[in-house]
């Protein structure tokens, strides 16, 4: 049996759990997150405890067992605490600006790059540290958005210029050696 899947999930106060056709919905007062249903899995709710059981022992069902439990846990943590990703902009003249729901990035190109921010993500920019902070309850969307922003100008392997995660450690390559 899956070690992750067999753990019961405890719903904190204020989180509501609903089951609909093809999905589970977890919501608090302001936001709601959807988790897809998977074949061969049965979700039992007893009070504020959720248990996931599987109907057979096929390889795919065993894989989905732990996945569904972890997706529900991510939704619960997102609705209670939220998730945060920070990106550092490294480079002379590289900066960002927030205009409504558009993040305008000056990354050394001949033109500024406009990035559309998804509605459920809150963005802030600290010009002194040159850091972009992204916060959301949806972990998957937050991580995907941070990766898309980083892909606009990934760190250079020699000087480290570009956009990197705040906790990312870069191993810079040595340049050419003079003769």
Protein backbone atom coordinates (compact mmCIF):
# COMPACT_ATOMS: atom_id res chain seq x y z
CA UNK A 1 0.00 0.00 0.00
CA UNK A 2 1.16 3.53 -0.74
CA UNK A 3 2.84 5.13 2.25
CA UNK A 4 1.62 8.58 1.25
CA UNK A 5 -1.84 7.45 0.13
CA UNK A 6 -2.74 5.61 3.31
CA UNK A 7 -2.17 8.64 5.57
CA UNK A 8 -5.44 10.30 6.58
CA UNK A 9 -5.80 13.97 5.61
CA UNK A 10 -7.12 16.24 8.35
CA UNK A 11 -9.16 19.21 7.16
CA UNK A 12 -8.56 22.35 9.23
CA UNK A 13 -11.39 24.56 10.46
CA UNK A 14 -12.87 26.67 7.66
CA UNK A 15 -12.03 24.31 4.77
CA UNK A 16 -15.04 22.80 3.02
CA UNK A 17 -14.84 19.54 1.01
CA UNK A 18 -17.29 18.83 -1.83
CA UNK A 19 -17.50 15.96 -4.30
CA UNK A 20 -18.80 16.63 -7.80
CA UNK A 21 -18.85 14.81 -11.13
CA UNK A 22 -15.22 14.10 -12.04
CA UNK A 23 -13.64 16.33 -9.38
CA UNK A 24 -13.29 17.21 -5.72
CA UNK A 25 -13.61 20.82 -4.60
CA UNK A 26 -11.84 22.23 -1.56
CA UNK A 27 -12.71 25.78 -0.61
CA UNK A 28 -12.40 28.39 2.09
CA UNK A 29 -14.19 31.74 2.42
CA UNK A 30 -12.44 33.40 -0.53
CA UNK A 31 -11.02 30.74 -2.88
CA UNK A 32 -11.76 27.25 -4.15
CA UNK A 33 -9.45 24.65 -5.69
CA UNK A 34 -10.34 21.62 -7.79
CA UNK A 35 -8.67 18.20 -7.57
CA UNK A 36 -9.47 15.65 -10.32
CA UNK A 37 -10.95 12.22 -9.56
CA UNK A 38 -9.04 9.09 -10.58
CA UNK A 39 -10.44 5.68 -11.49
CA UNK A 40 -10.14 2.96 -8.89
CA UNK A 41 -9.98 5.34 -5.91
CA UNK A 42 -12.67 6.00 -3.33
CA UNK A 43 -12.59 9.02 -1.01
CA UNK A 44 -14.25 8.67 2.39
CA UNK A 45 -14.98 11.69 4.60
CA UNK A 46 -15.54 11.12 8.31
CA UNK A 47 -15.97 14.41 10.16
CA UNK A 48 -12.89 16.45 9.30
CA UNK A 49 -10.78 13.44 8.24
CA UNK A 50 -10.43 12.31 4.62
CA UNK A 51 -9.24 8.79 3.79
CA UNK A 52 -8.44 7.50 0.31
CA UNK A 53 -8.92 3.81 -0.49
CA UNK A 54 -8.25 1.97 -3.72
CA UNK A 55 -10.48 -0.69 -5.22
CA UNK A 56 -7.76 -2.77 -6.90
CA UNK A 57 -4.01 -3.28 -6.78
CA UNK A 58 -3.08 -2.38 -10.35
CA UNK A 59 0.12 -0.41 -10.93
CA UNK A 60 -1.66 2.71 -12.22
CA UNK A 61 -4.16 2.73 -9.34
CA UNK A 62 -1.30 2.45 -6.83
CA UNK A 63 0.41 5.42 -8.49
CA UNK A 64 -2.77 7.52 -8.39
CA UNK A 65 -3.31 6.65 -4.70
CA UNK A 66 -0.39 8.72 -3.43
CA UNK A 67 -0.90 11.38 -6.12
CA UNK A 68 -4.51 12.11 -5.15
CA UNK A 69 -3.61 12.34 -1.45
CA UNK A 70 -0.73 14.75 -2.20
CA UNK A 71 -2.86 16.92 -4.52
CA UNK A 72 -5.51 17.23 -1.79
CA UNK A 73 -2.85 18.06 0.80
CA UNK A 74 -1.40 20.76 -1.52
CA UNK A 75 -4.90 22.25 -1.90
CA UNK A 76 -5.46 22.29 1.88
CA UNK A 77 -2.08 23.91 2.57
CA UNK A 78 -2.67 26.44 -0.20
CA UNK A 79 -6.07 27.43 1.18
CA UNK A 80 -4.79 27.75 4.76
CA UNK A 81 -1.23 29.13 4.44
CA UNK A 82 -0.68 29.77 0.73
CA UNK A 83 2.44 29.27 -1.37
CA UNK A 84 5.17 31.74 -2.28
CA UNK A 85 7.88 31.79 -4.97
CA UNK A 86 10.56 34.45 -5.27
CA UNK A 87 12.58 35.27 -8.37
CA UNK A 88 15.74 37.40 -8.45
CA UNK A 89 16.59 39.53 -11.47
CA UNK A 90 20.37 39.73 -11.89
CA UNK A 91 21.99 42.07 -14.40
CA UNK A 92 22.83 45.71 -14.99
CA UNK A 93 19.72 47.58 -16.10
CA UNK A 94 17.48 44.52 -15.63
CA UNK A 95 14.29 45.46 -13.78
CA UNK A 96 10.57 44.83 -13.56
CA UNK A 97 7.40 46.88 -13.23
CA UNK A 98 3.81 45.89 -12.50
CA UNK A 99 1.10 47.57 -14.59
CA UNK A 100 -2.29 46.17 -13.57
CA UNK A 101 -2.21 42.46 -14.37
CA UNK A 102 0.85 42.73 -16.64
CA UNK A 103 4.44 42.29 -15.47
CA UNK A 104 6.74 44.43 -17.63
CA UNK A 105 10.33 43.13 -17.64
CA UNK A 106 13.41 44.94 -18.98
CA UNK A 107 15.88 42.10 -19.51
CA UNK A 108 18.48 43.53 -21.87
CA UNK A 109 16.48 42.92 -25.03
CA UNK A 110 15.75 45.73 -27.50
CA UNK A 111 12.18 45.81 -26.18
CA UNK A 112 10.45 45.32 -22.81
CA UNK A 113 8.82 41.91 -22.27
CA UNK A 114 5.15 41.93 -21.18
CA UNK A 115 4.03 38.92 -19.14
CA UNK A 116 0.31 38.35 -18.42
CA UNK A 117 -0.19 37.41 -14.76
CA UNK A 118 -2.90 34.78 -14.05
CA UNK A 119 -5.84 36.06 -11.98
CA UNK A 120 -5.28 33.87 -8.91
CA UNK A 121 -1.63 34.93 -8.49
CA UNK A 122 -0.58 38.04 -6.58
CA UNK A 123 2.68 39.65 -7.68
CA UNK A 124 4.86 42.16 -5.88
CA UNK A 125 8.19 43.68 -6.89
CA UNK A 126 10.92 44.95 -4.58
CA UNK A 127 13.17 47.28 -6.61
CA UNK A 128 16.00 47.48 -4.04
CA UNK A 129 16.51 43.71 -4.03
CA UNK A 130 15.36 43.40 -7.66
CA UNK A 131 13.07 40.55 -6.54
CA UNK A 132 9.69 39.41 -7.84
CA UNK A 133 7.43 37.69 -5.27
CA UNK A 134 4.57 35.47 -6.43
CA UNK A 135 1.91 34.21 -4.00
CA UNK A 136 -1.09 31.95 -4.58
CA UNK A 137 -3.14 29.13 -3.10
CA UNK A 138 -2.72 27.01 -6.26
CA UNK A 139 0.74 25.42 -6.04
CA UNK A 140 0.69 24.00 -9.57
CA UNK A 141 -0.23 27.30 -11.25
CA UNK A 142 2.24 29.24 -9.09
CA UNK A 143 5.17 26.96 -9.93
CA UNK A 144 4.27 26.93 -13.63
CA UNK A 145 4.05 30.74 -13.74
CA UNK A 146 7.39 31.15 -11.94
CA UNK A 147 9.01 28.76 -14.43
CA UNK A 148 7.56 30.71 -17.40
CA UNK A 149 8.92 33.99 -16.00
CA UNK A 150 12.34 32.39 -15.43
CA UNK A 151 12.35 31.04 -19.02
CA UNK A 152 12.10 34.60 -20.40
CA UNK A 153 15.81 35.07 -19.55
CA UNK A 154 17.39 32.07 -17.75
CA UNK A 155 20.67 32.71 -15.91
CA UNK A 156 23.76 32.95 -18.10
CA UNK A 157 26.19 30.09 -17.32
CA UNK A 158 29.23 32.43 -17.25
CA UNK A 159 28.11 35.62 -15.50
CA UNK A 160 24.81 34.52 -13.92
CA UNK A 161 22.83 37.36 -15.52
CA UNK A 162 19.11 36.70 -15.99
CA UNK A 163 16.16 35.59 -13.85
CA UNK A 164 16.75 32.93 -11.20
CA UNK A 165 14.84 31.52 -8.25
CA UNK A 166 15.81 33.20 -4.97
CA UNK A 167 17.00 29.91 -3.46
CA UNK A 168 18.68 28.66 -6.66
CA UNK A 169 22.44 28.09 -6.49
CA UNK A 170 24.28 28.78 -9.73
CA UNK A 171 27.52 27.02 -10.58
CA UNK A 172 29.19 29.41 -12.97
CA UNK A 173 31.55 28.14 -15.65
CA UNK A 174 35.08 29.54 -15.81
CA UNK A 175 35.71 31.80 -18.80
CA UNK A 176 38.49 31.46 -21.31
CA UNK A 177 41.97 31.47 -19.86
CA UNK A 178 44.45 33.91 -21.36
CA UNK A 179 47.56 32.53 -23.07
